[in-house]
Amino acid sequence: MNDVEAREALETVVKAFNRYNNAIGCQGSASMEEAMEIAWSYEALYRAARRAERLLGQ
């Protein structure tokens, strides 16, 4: 993966993270299942962001 690809991947992660964050903010109350699904999604996004940062040397 080159720098351009890594930056695009990081931008995609940030956009996805923002969408999840907005979705959580819009939900008054989530079921435990929905909360766990969101938590796993955050974990996946976090790992992807860290990987992209490492690839960019940040």
C-alpha atoms as a PDB file:
ATOM      1  CA  MET A   1       0.000   0.000   0.000  1.00  0.00           C
ATOM      2  CA  ASN A   2       1.452   3.367  -0.968  1.00  0.00           C
ATOM      3  CA  ASP A   3       0.974   6.709   0.812  1.00  0.00           C
ATOM      4  CA  VAL A   4      -1.975   7.748  -1.350  1.00  0.00           C
ATOM      5  CA  GLU A   5      -3.782   4.467  -0.696  1.00  0.00           C
ATOM      6  CA  ALA A   6      -3.037   4.695   3.024  1.00  0.00           C
ATOM      7  CA  ARG A   7      -4.330   8.268   3.208  1.00  0.00           C
ATOM      8  CA  GLU A   8      -7.490   7.286   1.333  1.00  0.00           C
ATOM      9  CA  ALA A   9      -7.978   4.366   3.707  1.00  0.00           C
ATOM     10  CA  LEU A  10      -7.576   6.659   6.708  1.00  0.00           C
ATOM     11  CA  GLU A  11     -10.051   9.167   5.252  1.00  0.00           C
ATOM     12  CA  THR A  12     -12.545   6.333   4.716  1.00  0.00           C
ATOM     13  CA  VAL A  13     -12.099   5.246   8.339  1.00  0.00           C
ATOM     14  CA  VAL A  14     -12.652   8.786   9.596  1.00  0.00           C
ATOM     15  CA  LYS A  15     -15.807   9.161   7.504  1.00  0.00           C
ATOM     16  CA  ALA A  16     -17.138   5.814   8.723  1.00  0.00           C
ATOM     17  CA  PHE A  17     -16.291   6.717  12.329  1.00  0.00           C
ATOM     18  CA  ASN A  18     -18.203   9.983  11.961  1.00  0.00           C
ATOM     19  CA  ARG A  19     -21.226   8.170  10.508  1.00  0.00           C
ATOM     20  CA  TYR A  20     -21.270   5.748  13.451  1.00  0.00           C
ATOM     21  CA  ASN A  21     -20.829   8.607  15.897  1.00  0.00           C
ATOM     22  CA  ASN A  22     -23.756  10.476  14.326  1.00  0.00           C
ATOM     23  CA  ALA A  23     -25.891   7.340  14.356  1.00  0.00           C
ATOM     24  CA  ILE A  24     -25.218   6.803  18.055  1.00  0.00           C
ATOM     25  CA  GLY A  25     -26.070  10.430  18.784  1.00  0.00           C
ATOM     26  CA  CYS A  26     -29.399  10.035  16.999  1.00  0.00           C
ATOM     27  CA  GLN A  27     -30.381   6.926  18.955  1.00  0.00           C
ATOM     28  CA  GLY A  28     -32.088   7.706  22.221  1.00  0.00           C
ATOM     29  CA  SER A  29     -31.619   4.177  23.487  1.00  0.00           C
ATOM     30  CA  ALA A  30     -30.105   1.160  21.834  1.00  0.00           C
ATOM     31  CA  SER A  31     -30.650  -2.464  22.695  1.00  0.00           C
ATOM     32  CA  MET A  32     -27.738  -4.402  24.154  1.00  0.00           C
ATOM     33  CA  GLU A  33     -27.330  -6.185  20.811  1.00  0.00           C
ATOM     34  CA  GLU A  34     -27.173  -2.864  18.941  1.00  0.00           C
ATOM     35  CA  ALA A  35     -24.748  -1.470  21.512  1.00  0.00           C
ATOM     36  CA  MET A  36     -22.441  -4.477  21.087  1.00  0.00           C
ATOM     37  CA  GLU A  37     -22.610  -4.210  17.304  1.00  0.00           C
ATOM     38  CA  ILE A  38     -21.649  -0.535  17.501  1.00  0.00           C
ATOM     39  CA  ALA A  39     -18.828  -1.329  19.946  1.00  0.00           C
ATOM     40  CA  TRP A  40     -17.398  -3.982  17.592  1.00  0.00           C
ATOM     41  CA  SER A  41     -17.650  -1.511  14.709  1.00  0.00           C
ATOM     42  CA  TYR A  42     -15.739   1.100  16.716  1.00  0.00           C
ATOM     43  CA  GLU A  43     -13.057  -1.480  17.524  1.00  0.00           C
ATOM     44  CA  ALA A  44     -12.689  -2.397  13.836  1.00  0.00           C
ATOM     45  CA  LEU A  45     -12.492   1.265  12.851  1.00  0.00           C
ATOM     46  CA  TYR A  46      -9.925   1.978  15.555  1.00  0.00           C
ATOM     47  CA  ARG A  47      -7.696  -0.898  14.402  1.00  0.00           C
ATOM     48  CA  ALA A  48      -7.988   0.227  10.781  1.00  0.00           C
ATOM     49  CA  ALA A  49      -7.090   3.802  11.728  1.00  0.00           C
ATOM     50  CA  ARG A  50      -4.020   2.687  13.709  1.00  0.00           C
ATOM     51  CA  ARG A  51      -2.889   0.519  10.777  1.00  0.00           C
ATOM     52  CA  ALA A  52      -3.286   3.382   8.321  1.00  0.00           C
ATOM     53  CA  GLU A  53      -1.326   5.703  10.626  1.00  0.00           C
ATOM     54  CA  ARG A  54       1.483   3.146  10.915  1.00  0.00           C
ATOM     55  CA  LEU A  55       1.584   2.810   7.138  1.00  0.00           C
ATOM     56  CA  LEU A  56       1.876   6.581   6.864  1.00  0.00           C
ATOM     57  CA  GLY A  57       4.639   6.635   9.473  1.00  0.00           C
ATOM     58  CA  GLN A  58       2.736   8.872  11.878  1.00  0.00           C
END
